[in-house]
């Protein structure tokens, strides 16, 4: 089931061809068997020919499953079976609220995304919402969250079609304190921004991202 990547605890799921997976976990039927595929498991090993048995949403066996039964079967003859691709610079933080299934990602084989390039879904305040009102109205989205924790809670409530992790944007934090003007923070304002980063990291951000091409990001000195 798709999940949110949280802080330092996330794991990228790969179809690892572990020896334990090559043997049948039990004689129970599989929910799905993908047969006769060219398996590329993500480890860097050469492809190999085989089947994949899936049970309860998890890979239960990789190899030659033989006469094992399943509720559904996919014949992948002539096709590659591989882990989902990871989009390391996605921008689906708002569109996932429009269509949680994110078909534009899934149809490309992308099953995981990291977003939050400079700007991020949170933190939010009324001034940013007002400044970005046209975008929210275009997508018919009501920004009813203010922190990443609240944003993640909304995603978990609605469901997701992919795995999602996010950085906290350095631009986002700057806008929270200084707005969009070409200003330099006072020591007190800088402490406010640092506190916002700490809060976002505790909420589940996987890091801090800058995007210096877009204002007001380039107003910040090193």
N, C-alpha and C. Protein backbone atom coordinates (compact mmCIF):
# COMPACT_ATOMS: atom_id res chain seq x y z
N UNK A 1 0.85 -1.18 0.00
CA UNK A 1 0.00 0.00 0.00
C UNK A 1 0.89 1.24 0.00
N UNK A 2 0.62 2.22 -0.83
CA UNK A 2 1.45 3.42 -0.85
C UNK A 2 1.55 4.06 0.52
N UNK A 3 2.68 4.70 0.77
CA UNK A 3 2.89 5.27 2.09
C UNK A 3 3.64 6.58 1.99
N UNK A 4 3.67 7.27 3.10
CA UNK A 4 4.46 8.49 3.23
C UNK A 4 5.84 8.11 3.74
N UNK A 5 6.87 8.65 3.11
CA UNK A 5 8.21 8.48 3.63
C UNK A 5 8.40 9.49 4.75
N UNK A 6 8.76 9.04 5.95
CA UNK A 6 8.90 9.92 7.09
C UNK A 6 10.35 10.03 7.52
N UNK A 7 10.82 11.24 7.62
CA UNK A 7 12.12 11.60 8.18
C UNK A 7 13.19 10.58 7.84
N UNK A 8 13.92 10.05 8.82
CA UNK A 8 15.04 9.16 8.54
C UNK A 8 14.65 7.70 8.58
N UNK A 9 13.36 7.40 8.59
CA UNK A 9 12.94 6.02 8.79
C UNK A 9 12.44 5.36 7.53
N UNK A 10 12.49 6.08 6.36
CA UNK A 10 11.87 5.50 5.19
C UNK A 10 12.78 4.45 4.55
N UNK A 11 12.17 3.48 3.85
CA UNK A 11 12.87 2.43 3.14
C UNK A 11 12.36 2.40 1.72
N UNK A 12 13.24 2.38 0.73
CA UNK A 12 12.83 2.24 -0.65
C UNK A 12 12.64 0.76 -0.92
N UNK A 13 11.44 0.39 -1.35
CA UNK A 13 11.08 -1.01 -1.54
C UNK A 13 11.54 -1.49 -2.90
N UNK A 14 12.32 -2.53 -2.96
CA UNK A 14 12.79 -3.11 -4.21
C UNK A 14 12.39 -4.58 -4.28
N UNK A 15 12.31 -5.11 -5.50
CA UNK A 15 12.01 -6.52 -5.66
C UNK A 15 13.32 -7.30 -5.49
N UNK A 16 13.78 -7.42 -4.29
CA UNK A 16 15.06 -8.07 -4.04
C UNK A 16 14.94 -9.57 -4.22
N UNK A 17 15.85 -10.14 -5.00
CA UNK A 17 15.81 -11.58 -5.27
C UNK A 17 16.52 -12.33 -4.15
N UNK A 18 15.98 -12.25 -2.97
CA UNK A 18 16.59 -12.91 -1.82
C UNK A 18 16.32 -14.41 -1.88
N UNK A 19 17.25 -15.23 -1.38
CA UNK A 19 17.03 -16.67 -1.40
C UNK A 19 15.73 -17.07 -0.71
N UNK A 20 15.37 -16.41 0.36
CA UNK A 20 14.14 -16.77 1.08
C UNK A 20 12.91 -16.56 0.22
N UNK A 21 13.01 -15.65 -0.74
CA UNK A 21 11.88 -15.41 -1.62
C UNK A 21 11.81 -16.42 -2.76
N UNK A 22 12.88 -17.12 -3.00
CA UNK A 22 12.90 -18.07 -4.10
C UNK A 22 12.18 -19.37 -3.74
N UNK A 23 12.00 -19.59 -2.47
CA UNK A 23 11.26 -20.77 -2.04
C UNK A 23 9.84 -20.36 -1.69
N UNK A 24 8.93 -21.29 -1.79
CA UNK A 24 7.54 -20.99 -1.46
C UNK A 24 7.40 -20.77 0.05
N UNK A 25 6.78 -19.65 0.41
CA UNK A 25 6.56 -19.38 1.82
C UNK A 25 5.56 -20.36 2.42
N UNK A 26 4.61 -20.80 1.62
CA UNK A 26 3.63 -21.78 2.06
C UNK A 26 2.94 -22.33 0.83
N UNK A 27 2.06 -23.30 1.02
CA UNK A 27 1.32 -23.88 -0.10
C UNK A 27 0.06 -23.10 -0.40
N UNK A 28 -0.20 -22.03 0.34
CA UNK A 28 -1.40 -21.25 0.10
C UNK A 28 -1.33 -20.59 -1.27
N UNK A 29 -2.47 -20.43 -1.95
CA UNK A 29 -2.45 -19.79 -3.27
C UNK A 29 -2.03 -18.33 -3.15
N UNK A 30 -1.49 -17.84 -4.22
CA UNK A 30 -1.11 -16.43 -4.27
C UNK A 30 -2.30 -15.59 -4.72
N UNK A 31 -2.27 -14.34 -4.38
CA UNK A 31 -3.28 -13.43 -4.90
C UNK A 31 -3.00 -13.11 -6.37
N UNK A 32 -1.72 -13.03 -6.70
CA UNK A 32 -1.32 -12.70 -8.07
C UNK A 32 0.01 -13.37 -8.37
N UNK A 33 0.10 -13.95 -9.56
CA UNK A 33 1.38 -14.45 -10.07
C UNK A 33 1.68 -13.75 -11.38
N UNK A 34 2.86 -13.16 -11.46
CA UNK A 34 3.37 -12.59 -12.70
C UNK A 34 4.35 -13.61 -13.27
N UNK A 35 4.00 -14.22 -14.39
CA UNK A 35 4.78 -15.33 -14.92
C UNK A 35 5.61 -14.90 -16.14
N UNK A 36 6.73 -15.59 -16.30
CA UNK A 36 7.52 -15.56 -17.55
C UNK A 36 8.11 -14.19 -17.85
N UNK A 37 8.40 -13.41 -16.83
CA UNK A 37 8.94 -12.08 -17.06
C UNK A 37 10.45 -12.03 -17.07
N UNK A 38 11.00 -11.00 -17.69
CA UNK A 38 12.41 -10.69 -17.58
C UNK A 38 12.55 -9.81 -16.33
N UNK A 39 13.04 -10.37 -15.24
CA UNK A 39 13.05 -9.69 -13.95
C UNK A 39 14.34 -8.89 -13.79
N UNK A 40 14.18 -7.60 -13.56
CA UNK A 40 15.29 -6.72 -13.18
C UNK A 40 14.98 -6.26 -11.76
N UNK A 41 15.75 -6.72 -10.78
CA UNK A 41 15.33 -6.59 -9.39
C UNK A 41 15.82 -5.33 -8.69
N UNK A 42 16.60 -4.48 -9.39
CA UNK A 42 17.04 -3.23 -8.77
C UNK A 42 18.34 -3.34 -8.01
N UNK A 43 18.95 -4.51 -7.97
CA UNK A 43 20.20 -4.68 -7.23
C UNK A 43 21.43 -4.40 -8.08
N UNK A 44 21.24 -4.23 -9.39
CA UNK A 44 22.37 -4.08 -10.31
C UNK A 44 22.76 -5.39 -10.96
N UNK A 45 22.14 -6.50 -10.57
CA UNK A 45 22.42 -7.79 -11.17
C UNK A 45 21.82 -7.87 -12.57
N UNK A 46 22.34 -8.75 -13.43
CA UNK A 46 21.72 -8.93 -14.74
C UNK A 46 20.29 -9.43 -14.59
N UNK A 47 19.49 -9.19 -15.62
CA UNK A 47 18.10 -9.67 -15.58
C UNK A 47 18.09 -11.19 -15.57
N UNK A 48 17.03 -11.75 -15.07
CA UNK A 48 16.85 -13.20 -15.12
C UNK A 48 15.39 -13.51 -15.40
N UNK A 49 15.15 -14.69 -15.89
CA UNK A 49 13.81 -15.14 -16.29
C UNK A 49 13.14 -15.79 -15.10
N UNK A 50 11.87 -15.44 -14.84
CA UNK A 50 11.20 -16.07 -13.71
C UNK A 50 9.81 -15.55 -13.47
N UNK A 51 9.26 -15.98 -12.33
CA UNK A 51 7.91 -15.61 -11.92
C UNK A 51 7.98 -14.85 -10.59
N UNK A 52 6.92 -14.13 -10.30
CA UNK A 52 6.80 -13.44 -9.02
C UNK A 52 5.44 -13.75 -8.43
N UNK A 53 5.43 -14.23 -7.19
CA UNK A 53 4.18 -14.51 -6.49
C UNK A 53 3.91 -13.45 -5.45
N UNK A 54 2.69 -12.90 -5.47
CA UNK A 54 2.31 -11.83 -4.56
C UNK A 54 1.16 -12.30 -3.68
N UNK A 55 1.30 -12.05 -2.38
CA UNK A 55 0.27 -12.44 -1.43
C UNK A 55 0.12 -11.34 -0.38
N UNK A 56 -1.11 -10.93 -0.12
CA UNK A 56 -1.40 -9.89 0.87
C UNK A 56 -0.63 -8.60 0.58
N UNK A 57 -0.52 -8.26 -0.70
CA UNK A 57 0.12 -7.01 -1.08
C UNK A 57 1.63 -7.02 -1.00
N UNK A 58 2.24 -8.19 -0.77
CA UNK A 58 3.70 -8.28 -0.66
C UNK A 58 4.23 -9.39 -1.55
N UNK A 59 5.48 -9.23 -2.00
CA UNK A 59 6.13 -10.27 -2.78
C UNK A 59 6.45 -11.44 -1.86
N UNK A 60 5.90 -12.60 -2.19
CA UNK A 60 6.11 -13.78 -1.36
C UNK A 60 7.11 -14.75 -1.96
N UNK A 61 7.32 -14.70 -3.27
CA UNK A 61 8.27 -15.62 -3.91
C UNK A 61 8.73 -15.02 -5.23
N UNK A 62 10.01 -15.25 -5.55
CA UNK A 62 10.58 -14.89 -6.84
C UNK A 62 11.35 -16.10 -7.35
N UNK A 63 11.14 -16.45 -8.59
CA UNK A 63 11.83 -17.59 -9.17
C UNK A 63 10.88 -18.35 -10.08
N UNK A 64 11.00 -19.67 -10.11
CA UNK A 64 10.08 -20.49 -10.89
C UNK A 64 9.05 -21.08 -9.95
N UNK A 65 7.85 -20.55 -10.02
CA UNK A 65 6.80 -20.93 -9.07
C UNK A 65 6.09 -22.20 -9.51
N UNK A 66 6.24 -22.58 -10.76
CA UNK A 66 5.71 -23.85 -11.23
C UNK A 66 4.21 -23.89 -11.27
N UNK A 67 3.62 -24.90 -10.61
CA UNK A 67 2.17 -25.14 -10.69
C UNK A 67 1.38 -24.42 -9.60
N UNK A 68 2.02 -23.51 -8.89
CA UNK A 68 1.31 -22.78 -7.83
C UNK A 68 0.09 -22.07 -8.41
N UNK A 69 -0.95 -21.96 -7.61
CA UNK A 69 -2.19 -21.35 -8.06
C UNK A 69 -2.30 -19.92 -7.56
N UNK A 70 -3.16 -19.15 -8.21
CA UNK A 70 -3.36 -17.77 -7.81
C UNK A 70 -4.73 -17.30 -8.25
N UNK A 71 -5.22 -16.26 -7.60
CA UNK A 71 -6.51 -15.70 -7.98
C UNK A 71 -6.43 -15.01 -9.33
N UNK A 72 -5.28 -14.40 -9.60
CA UNK A 72 -5.08 -13.70 -10.86
C UNK A 72 -3.68 -14.02 -11.38
N UNK A 73 -3.54 -14.05 -12.69
CA UNK A 73 -2.25 -14.33 -13.31
C UNK A 73 -2.01 -13.34 -14.44
N UNK A 74 -0.78 -12.84 -14.52
CA UNK A 74 -0.36 -11.98 -15.62
C UNK A 74 0.78 -12.67 -16.35
N UNK A 75 0.63 -12.85 -17.66
CA UNK A 75 1.70 -13.42 -18.47
C UNK A 75 2.58 -12.28 -18.97
N UNK A 76 3.79 -12.19 -18.43
CA UNK A 76 4.71 -11.11 -18.77
C UNK A 76 5.75 -11.54 -19.80
N UNK A 77 5.42 -12.55 -20.59
CA UNK A 77 6.37 -13.04 -21.60
C UNK A 77 6.79 -11.90 -22.53
N UNK A 78 8.09 -11.75 -22.70
CA UNK A 78 8.60 -10.70 -23.57
C UNK A 78 8.64 -9.32 -22.93
N UNK A 79 8.26 -9.21 -21.66
CA UNK A 79 8.23 -7.92 -20.99
C UNK A 79 9.16 -7.93 -19.78
N UNK A 80 9.52 -6.73 -19.34
CA UNK A 80 10.40 -6.56 -18.18
C UNK A 80 9.55 -6.35 -16.94
N UNK A 81 9.88 -7.03 -15.86
CA UNK A 81 9.25 -6.81 -14.57
C UNK A 81 10.31 -6.17 -13.67
N UNK A 82 10.03 -4.95 -13.20
CA UNK A 82 11.03 -4.19 -12.45
C UNK A 82 10.38 -3.44 -11.31
N UNK A 83 11.17 -2.99 -10.33
CA UNK A 83 10.61 -2.13 -9.29
C UNK A 83 10.08 -0.84 -9.91
N UNK A 84 9.15 -0.20 -9.21
CA UNK A 84 8.67 1.09 -9.67
C UNK A 84 9.79 2.11 -9.67
N UNK A 85 9.73 3.04 -10.60
CA UNK A 85 10.75 4.08 -10.68
C UNK A 85 10.53 5.12 -9.59
N UNK A 86 11.61 5.77 -9.17
CA UNK A 86 11.56 6.80 -8.13
C UNK A 86 11.83 8.15 -8.78
N UNK A 87 10.86 9.05 -8.71
CA UNK A 87 11.02 10.41 -9.21
C UNK A 87 11.62 11.24 -8.09
N UNK A 88 12.89 11.61 -8.23
CA UNK A 88 13.59 12.31 -7.16
C UNK A 88 13.31 13.82 -7.15
N UNK A 89 12.60 14.32 -8.16
CA UNK A 89 12.27 15.74 -8.20
C UNK A 89 10.87 15.89 -8.80
N UNK A 90 9.88 15.44 -8.06
CA UNK A 90 8.50 15.58 -8.50
C UNK A 90 7.88 16.85 -7.96
N UNK A 91 6.72 17.17 -8.47
CA UNK A 91 6.02 18.36 -8.01
C UNK A 91 4.52 18.06 -7.87
N UNK A 92 4.23 16.93 -7.26
CA UNK A 92 2.85 16.47 -7.17
C UNK A 92 2.18 16.79 -5.84
N UNK A 93 2.78 17.68 -5.05
CA UNK A 93 2.26 17.92 -3.70
C UNK A 93 0.83 18.46 -3.71
N UNK A 94 0.45 19.19 -4.77
CA UNK A 94 -0.91 19.71 -4.86
C UNK A 94 -1.79 18.81 -5.74
N UNK A 95 -1.24 18.35 -6.86
CA UNK A 95 -2.05 17.54 -7.77
C UNK A 95 -2.45 16.20 -7.15
N UNK A 96 -1.70 15.72 -6.16
CA UNK A 96 -2.11 14.49 -5.49
C UNK A 96 -3.38 14.70 -4.68
N UNK A 97 -3.67 15.96 -4.35
CA UNK A 97 -4.92 16.27 -3.67
C UNK A 97 -6.08 16.36 -4.65
N UNK A 98 -5.77 16.57 -5.93
CA UNK A 98 -6.81 16.62 -6.97
C UNK A 98 -7.19 15.22 -7.40
N UNK A 99 -6.19 14.40 -7.69
CA UNK A 99 -6.42 13.00 -8.06
C UNK A 99 -5.42 12.14 -7.32
N UNK A 100 -5.82 11.54 -6.21
CA UNK A 100 -4.88 10.77 -5.39
C UNK A 100 -4.22 9.61 -6.13
N UNK A 101 -4.83 9.14 -7.22
CA UNK A 101 -4.25 8.01 -7.95
C UNK A 101 -3.04 8.41 -8.77
N UNK A 102 -2.89 9.70 -9.07
CA UNK A 102 -1.77 10.22 -9.85
C UNK A 102 -1.47 9.38 -11.09
N UNK A 103 -2.43 9.25 -12.00
CA UNK A 103 -2.20 8.43 -13.20
C UNK A 103 -1.02 8.90 -14.03
N UNK A 104 -0.71 10.20 -14.03
CA UNK A 104 0.43 10.68 -14.82
C UNK A 104 1.74 10.08 -14.34
N UNK A 105 1.81 9.70 -13.08
CA UNK A 105 3.00 9.03 -12.55
C UNK A 105 2.92 7.51 -12.78
N UNK A 106 1.79 6.93 -12.39
CA UNK A 106 1.65 5.48 -12.46
C UNK A 106 1.83 4.97 -13.89
N UNK A 107 1.29 5.69 -14.88
CA UNK A 107 1.39 5.24 -16.27
C UNK A 107 2.82 5.30 -16.78
N UNK A 108 3.71 6.00 -16.09
CA UNK A 108 5.12 6.02 -16.45
C UNK A 108 5.93 4.99 -15.65
N UNK A 109 5.26 4.27 -14.77
CA UNK A 109 5.96 3.31 -13.93
C UNK A 109 6.56 3.93 -12.69
N UNK A 110 6.22 5.19 -12.39
CA UNK A 110 6.73 5.86 -11.20
C UNK A 110 5.83 5.51 -10.02
N UNK A 111 6.40 4.92 -8.99
CA UNK A 111 5.62 4.53 -7.83
C UNK A 111 6.05 5.26 -6.55
N UNK A 112 7.14 6.03 -6.64
CA UNK A 112 7.60 6.81 -5.49
C UNK A 112 8.07 8.17 -5.97
N UNK A 113 7.79 9.20 -5.18
CA UNK A 113 8.20 10.55 -5.55
C UNK A 113 8.68 11.32 -4.33
N UNK A 114 9.71 12.14 -4.55
CA UNK A 114 10.13 13.11 -3.55
C UNK A 114 9.85 14.50 -4.11
N UNK A 115 9.19 15.32 -3.33
CA UNK A 115 8.79 16.64 -3.78
C UNK A 115 9.31 17.68 -2.78
N UNK A 116 8.94 18.94 -3.00
CA UNK A 116 9.37 20.00 -2.10
C UNK A 116 10.60 20.73 -2.58
N UNK A 117 10.66 21.05 -3.88
CA UNK A 117 11.82 21.72 -4.46
C UNK A 117 11.75 23.22 -4.19
N UNK A 118 12.47 23.69 -3.20
CA UNK A 118 12.46 25.11 -2.87
C UNK A 118 11.19 25.49 -2.13
N UNK A 119 10.07 25.43 -2.84
CA UNK A 119 8.77 25.54 -2.19
C UNK A 119 8.29 24.17 -1.77
N UNK A 120 7.43 24.12 -0.78
CA UNK A 120 6.90 22.84 -0.33
C UNK A 120 5.45 23.03 0.11
N UNK A 121 4.76 21.94 0.29
CA UNK A 121 3.34 22.00 0.65
C UNK A 121 3.12 22.73 1.97
N UNK A 122 4.11 22.71 2.83
CA UNK A 122 4.03 23.35 4.14
C UNK A 122 5.45 23.66 4.59
N UNK A 123 5.61 24.57 5.55
CA UNK A 123 4.57 25.26 6.33
C UNK A 123 3.83 26.31 5.50
N UNK A 124 2.62 26.61 5.95
CA UNK A 124 1.76 27.58 5.27
C UNK A 124 1.28 28.62 6.27
N UNK A 125 1.05 29.83 5.77
CA UNK A 125 0.35 30.83 6.57
C UNK A 125 -0.63 31.57 5.65
N UNK A 126 -1.41 32.43 6.22
CA UNK A 126 -2.45 33.12 5.44
C UNK A 126 -1.86 33.98 4.33
N UNK A 127 -0.69 34.59 4.57
CA UNK A 127 -0.09 35.45 3.55
C UNK A 127 0.32 34.65 2.32
N UNK A 128 0.91 33.47 2.52
CA UNK A 128 1.30 32.63 1.39
C UNK A 128 0.07 32.14 0.64
N UNK A 129 -0.94 31.73 1.38
CA UNK A 129 -2.17 31.26 0.74
C UNK A 129 -2.78 32.37 -0.12
N UNK A 130 -2.78 33.59 0.39
CA UNK A 130 -3.31 34.72 -0.38
C UNK A 130 -2.48 34.97 -1.63
N UNK A 131 -1.16 34.92 -1.50
CA UNK A 131 -0.28 35.17 -2.64
C UNK A 131 -0.42 34.08 -3.71
N UNK A 132 -0.70 32.85 -3.28
CA UNK A 132 -0.80 31.72 -4.21
C UNK A 132 -2.25 31.35 -4.51
N UNK A 133 -3.15 32.27 -4.23
CA UNK A 133 -4.58 31.99 -4.35
C UNK A 133 -4.97 31.49 -5.74
N UNK A 134 -4.37 32.05 -6.80
CA UNK A 134 -4.74 31.65 -8.17
C UNK A 134 -4.48 30.16 -8.39
N UNK A 135 -3.35 29.67 -7.89
CA UNK A 135 -3.03 28.24 -8.06
C UNK A 135 -4.01 27.35 -7.32
N UNK A 136 -4.31 27.69 -6.08
CA UNK A 136 -5.26 26.88 -5.31
C UNK A 136 -6.64 26.89 -5.97
N UNK A 137 -7.05 28.05 -6.47
CA UNK A 137 -8.36 28.13 -7.12
C UNK A 137 -8.37 27.35 -8.42
N UNK A 138 -7.25 27.37 -9.15
CA UNK A 138 -7.16 26.61 -10.40
C UNK A 138 -7.39 25.12 -10.16
N UNK A 139 -6.79 24.60 -9.09
CA UNK A 139 -6.92 23.18 -8.78
C UNK A 139 -8.14 22.87 -7.91
N UNK A 140 -8.87 23.92 -7.53
CA UNK A 140 -10.05 23.76 -6.67
C UNK A 140 -9.68 23.07 -5.36
N UNK A 141 -8.57 23.52 -4.80
CA UNK A 141 -8.05 22.97 -3.55
C UNK A 141 -8.20 24.02 -2.45
N UNK A 142 -8.73 23.59 -1.31
CA UNK A 142 -8.78 24.45 -0.12
C UNK A 142 -7.61 24.07 0.79
N UNK A 143 -6.62 24.94 0.95
CA UNK A 143 -5.47 24.61 1.79
C UNK A 143 -5.84 24.69 3.28
N UNK A 144 -6.32 23.60 3.81
CA UNK A 144 -6.79 23.58 5.19
C UNK A 144 -5.73 23.04 6.15
N UNK A 145 -4.49 23.01 5.74
CA UNK A 145 -3.38 22.58 6.58
C UNK A 145 -2.42 23.76 6.75
N UNK A 146 -1.62 23.71 7.79
CA UNK A 146 -0.60 24.74 8.01
C UNK A 146 0.78 24.13 8.24
N UNK A 147 0.82 22.89 8.66
CA UNK A 147 2.10 22.21 8.92
C UNK A 147 2.20 20.97 8.05
N UNK A 148 3.41 20.41 7.94
CA UNK A 148 3.56 19.16 7.19
C UNK A 148 2.81 18.02 7.86
N UNK A 149 2.77 18.04 9.17
CA UNK A 149 2.03 16.99 9.88
C UNK A 149 0.56 17.00 9.47
N UNK A 150 -0.01 18.18 9.38
CA UNK A 150 -1.42 18.29 8.97
C UNK A 150 -1.60 17.92 7.50
N UNK A 151 -0.63 18.28 6.67
CA UNK A 151 -0.68 17.92 5.25
C UNK A 151 -0.62 16.41 5.08
N UNK A 152 0.31 15.75 5.79
CA UNK A 152 0.41 14.30 5.73
C UNK A 152 -0.88 13.63 6.21
N UNK A 153 -1.48 14.18 7.24
CA UNK A 153 -2.73 13.61 7.76
C UNK A 153 -3.82 13.67 6.69
N UNK A 154 -3.86 14.75 5.93
CA UNK A 154 -4.85 14.85 4.85
C UNK A 154 -4.59 13.79 3.79
N UNK A 155 -3.31 13.58 3.42
CA UNK A 155 -2.98 12.56 2.44
C UNK A 155 -3.38 11.17 2.93
N UNK A 156 -3.07 10.88 4.18
CA UNK A 156 -3.38 9.56 4.72
C UNK A 156 -4.87 9.32 4.78
N UNK A 157 -5.63 10.35 5.04
CA UNK A 157 -7.08 10.23 5.11
C UNK A 157 -7.69 9.97 3.74
N UNK A 158 -7.17 10.63 2.71
CA UNK A 158 -7.75 10.50 1.38
C UNK A 158 -7.23 9.28 0.63
N UNK A 159 -6.02 8.79 0.99
CA UNK A 159 -5.41 7.71 0.25
C UNK A 159 -4.49 8.24 -0.84
N UNK A 160 -3.55 7.39 -1.29
CA UNK A 160 -2.55 7.80 -2.29
C UNK A 160 -2.30 6.67 -3.27
N UNK A 161 -1.96 7.04 -4.50
CA UNK A 161 -1.63 6.05 -5.51
C UNK A 161 -0.15 5.75 -5.61
N UNK A 162 0.70 6.56 -4.96
CA UNK A 162 2.14 6.36 -4.98
C UNK A 162 2.69 6.57 -3.56
N UNK A 163 3.94 6.21 -3.37
CA UNK A 163 4.65 6.57 -2.14
C UNK A 163 5.15 8.01 -2.29
N UNK A 164 5.11 8.77 -1.22
CA UNK A 164 5.47 10.18 -1.31
C UNK A 164 6.32 10.62 -0.12
N UNK A 165 7.42 11.28 -0.43
CA UNK A 165 8.23 11.95 0.58
C UNK A 165 8.42 13.39 0.17
N UNK A 166 8.69 14.27 1.11
CA UNK A 166 8.88 15.68 0.77
C UNK A 166 9.99 16.31 1.58
N UNK A 167 10.69 17.23 0.94
CA UNK A 167 11.61 18.11 1.65
C UNK A 167 10.82 19.30 2.17
N UNK A 168 11.40 20.01 3.11
CA UNK A 168 10.85 21.32 3.47
C UNK A 168 11.63 22.33 2.65
N UNK A 169 10.92 23.18 1.92
CA UNK A 169 11.58 24.10 1.02
C UNK A 169 12.19 25.28 1.76
N UNK A 170 13.45 25.61 1.45
CA UNK A 170 14.08 26.79 2.04
C UNK A 170 13.32 28.05 1.63
N UNK A 171 12.81 28.07 0.39
CA UNK A 171 12.01 29.20 -0.05
C UNK A 171 10.73 29.31 0.76
N UNK A 172 10.13 28.16 1.03
CA UNK A 172 8.88 28.15 1.79
C UNK A 172 9.07 28.75 3.18
N UNK A 173 10.16 28.36 3.81
CA UNK A 173 10.46 28.86 5.16
C UNK A 173 10.74 30.35 5.12
N UNK A 174 11.48 30.79 4.09
CA UNK A 174 11.75 32.22 3.95
C UNK A 174 10.46 33.00 3.77
N UNK A 175 9.56 32.51 2.93
CA UNK A 175 8.29 33.21 2.68
C UNK A 175 7.44 33.30 3.94
N UNK A 176 7.53 32.29 4.79
CA UNK A 176 6.77 32.30 6.04
C UNK A 176 7.15 33.50 6.91
N UNK A 177 8.43 33.88 6.87
CA UNK A 177 8.94 34.92 7.77
C UNK A 177 9.11 36.26 7.07
N UNK A 178 9.60 36.25 5.83
CA UNK A 178 9.94 37.50 5.14
C UNK A 178 9.02 37.82 3.97
N UNK A 179 8.14 36.88 3.62
CA UNK A 179 7.32 37.11 2.44
C UNK A 179 8.12 36.96 1.17
N UNK A 180 7.75 37.68 0.12
CA UNK A 180 8.40 37.54 -1.19
C UNK A 180 9.34 38.70 -1.50
N UNK A 181 9.60 39.55 -0.54
CA UNK A 181 10.42 40.74 -0.79
C UNK A 181 11.91 40.43 -0.72
N UNK A 182 12.70 41.32 -1.33
CA UNK A 182 14.15 41.20 -1.30
C UNK A 182 14.68 41.80 0.00
N UNK A 183 14.63 40.98 1.04
CA UNK A 183 15.03 41.41 2.37
C UNK A 183 16.02 40.40 2.95
N UNK A 184 16.76 40.85 3.96
CA UNK A 184 17.61 39.94 4.71
C UNK A 184 17.04 39.80 6.11
N UNK A 185 17.05 38.60 6.66
CA UNK A 185 16.44 38.39 7.98
C UNK A 185 17.29 38.98 9.09
N UNK A 186 16.63 39.46 10.09
CA UNK A 186 17.31 39.83 11.33
C UNK A 186 17.70 38.54 12.05
N UNK A 187 18.58 38.61 13.02
CA UNK A 187 18.91 37.39 13.78
C UNK A 187 17.67 36.71 14.35
N UNK A 188 16.72 37.49 14.81
CA UNK A 188 15.50 36.89 15.37
C UNK A 188 14.69 36.21 14.29
N UNK A 189 14.61 36.81 13.11
CA UNK A 189 13.86 36.20 12.01
C UNK A 189 14.54 34.92 11.52
N UNK A 190 15.86 34.93 11.51
CA UNK A 190 16.59 33.73 11.12
C UNK A 190 16.31 32.59 12.10
N UNK A 191 16.22 32.91 13.37
CA UNK A 191 15.87 31.89 14.37
C UNK A 191 14.47 31.35 14.12
N UNK A 192 13.54 32.23 13.69
CA UNK A 192 12.20 31.77 13.34
C UNK A 192 12.25 30.76 12.20
N UNK A 193 13.05 31.05 11.19
CA UNK A 193 13.15 30.14 10.05
C UNK A 193 13.77 28.81 10.46
N UNK A 194 14.77 28.87 11.30
CA UNK A 194 15.40 27.63 11.77
C UNK A 194 14.41 26.79 12.57
N UNK A 195 13.57 27.46 13.36
CA UNK A 195 12.56 26.73 14.13
C UNK A 195 11.53 26.07 13.21
N UNK A 196 11.18 26.75 12.13
CA UNK A 196 10.24 26.17 11.16
C UNK A 196 10.83 24.93 10.50
N UNK A 197 12.13 24.97 10.19
CA UNK A 197 12.79 23.80 9.62
C UNK A 197 12.78 22.64 10.62
N UNK A 198 13.12 22.93 11.87
CA UNK A 198 13.12 21.88 12.89
C UNK A 198 11.74 21.24 13.02
N UNK A 199 10.70 22.07 13.03
CA UNK A 199 9.34 21.55 13.15
C UNK A 199 8.99 20.67 11.96
N UNK A 200 9.37 21.12 10.75
CA UNK A 200 9.06 20.34 9.55
C UNK A 200 9.80 19.01 9.55
N UNK A 201 11.03 19.00 10.00
CA UNK A 201 11.79 17.75 10.08
C UNK A 201 11.15 16.79 11.07
N UNK A 202 10.68 17.33 12.20
CA UNK A 202 10.01 16.48 13.17
C UNK A 202 8.68 15.95 12.62
N UNK A 203 8.06 16.72 11.75
CA UNK A 203 6.79 16.30 11.14
C UNK A 203 6.99 15.24 10.07
N UNK A 204 8.22 15.07 9.57
CA UNK A 204 8.45 14.02 8.57
C UNK A 204 9.15 14.44 7.32
N UNK A 205 9.59 15.69 7.19
CA UNK A 205 10.38 16.09 6.01
C UNK A 205 11.67 15.28 5.98
N UNK A 206 12.13 14.96 4.77
CA UNK A 206 13.33 14.13 4.64
C UNK A 206 14.59 14.98 4.46
N UNK A 207 14.45 16.29 4.45
CA UNK A 207 15.60 17.16 4.30
C UNK A 207 15.14 18.57 3.95
N UNK A 208 16.10 19.42 3.62
CA UNK A 208 15.82 20.80 3.20
C UNK A 208 16.25 20.93 1.75
N UNK A 209 15.41 21.57 0.94
CA UNK A 209 15.71 21.74 -0.47
C UNK A 209 15.73 23.21 -0.85
N UNK A 210 16.72 23.61 -1.64
CA UNK A 210 16.76 24.97 -2.17
C UNK A 210 16.56 24.94 -3.68
N UNK A 211 16.06 26.03 -4.21
CA UNK A 211 15.87 26.18 -5.65
C UNK A 211 16.18 27.64 -5.97
N UNK A 212 17.45 27.92 -6.18
CA UNK A 212 17.93 29.30 -6.20
C UNK A 212 17.58 30.05 -7.49
N UNK A 213 16.97 29.36 -8.44
CA UNK A 213 16.61 30.02 -9.70
C UNK A 213 15.39 30.91 -9.56
N UNK A 214 14.54 30.59 -8.58
CA UNK A 214 13.24 31.24 -8.49
C UNK A 214 13.16 32.17 -7.28
N UNK A 215 12.75 33.42 -7.53
CA UNK A 215 12.57 34.38 -6.44
C UNK A 215 11.46 33.91 -5.50
N UNK A 216 11.61 34.16 -4.19
CA UNK A 216 12.64 35.00 -3.55
C UNK A 216 13.90 34.25 -3.10
N UNK A 217 14.09 33.02 -3.54
CA UNK A 217 15.25 32.23 -3.08
C UNK A 217 16.59 32.91 -3.32
N UNK A 218 16.86 33.52 -4.50
CA UNK A 218 18.19 34.09 -4.73
C UNK A 218 18.48 35.35 -3.91
N UNK A 219 17.49 35.85 -3.17
CA UNK A 219 17.74 37.00 -2.31
C UNK A 219 18.55 36.61 -1.08
N UNK A 220 18.62 35.33 -0.81
CA UNK A 220 19.31 34.87 0.41
C UNK A 220 20.80 34.73 0.17
N UNK A 221 21.65 35.29 1.03
CA UNK A 221 23.10 35.07 0.90
C UNK A 221 23.45 33.67 1.42
N UNK A 222 24.70 33.29 1.18
CA UNK A 222 25.15 31.97 1.63
C UNK A 222 24.91 31.79 3.13
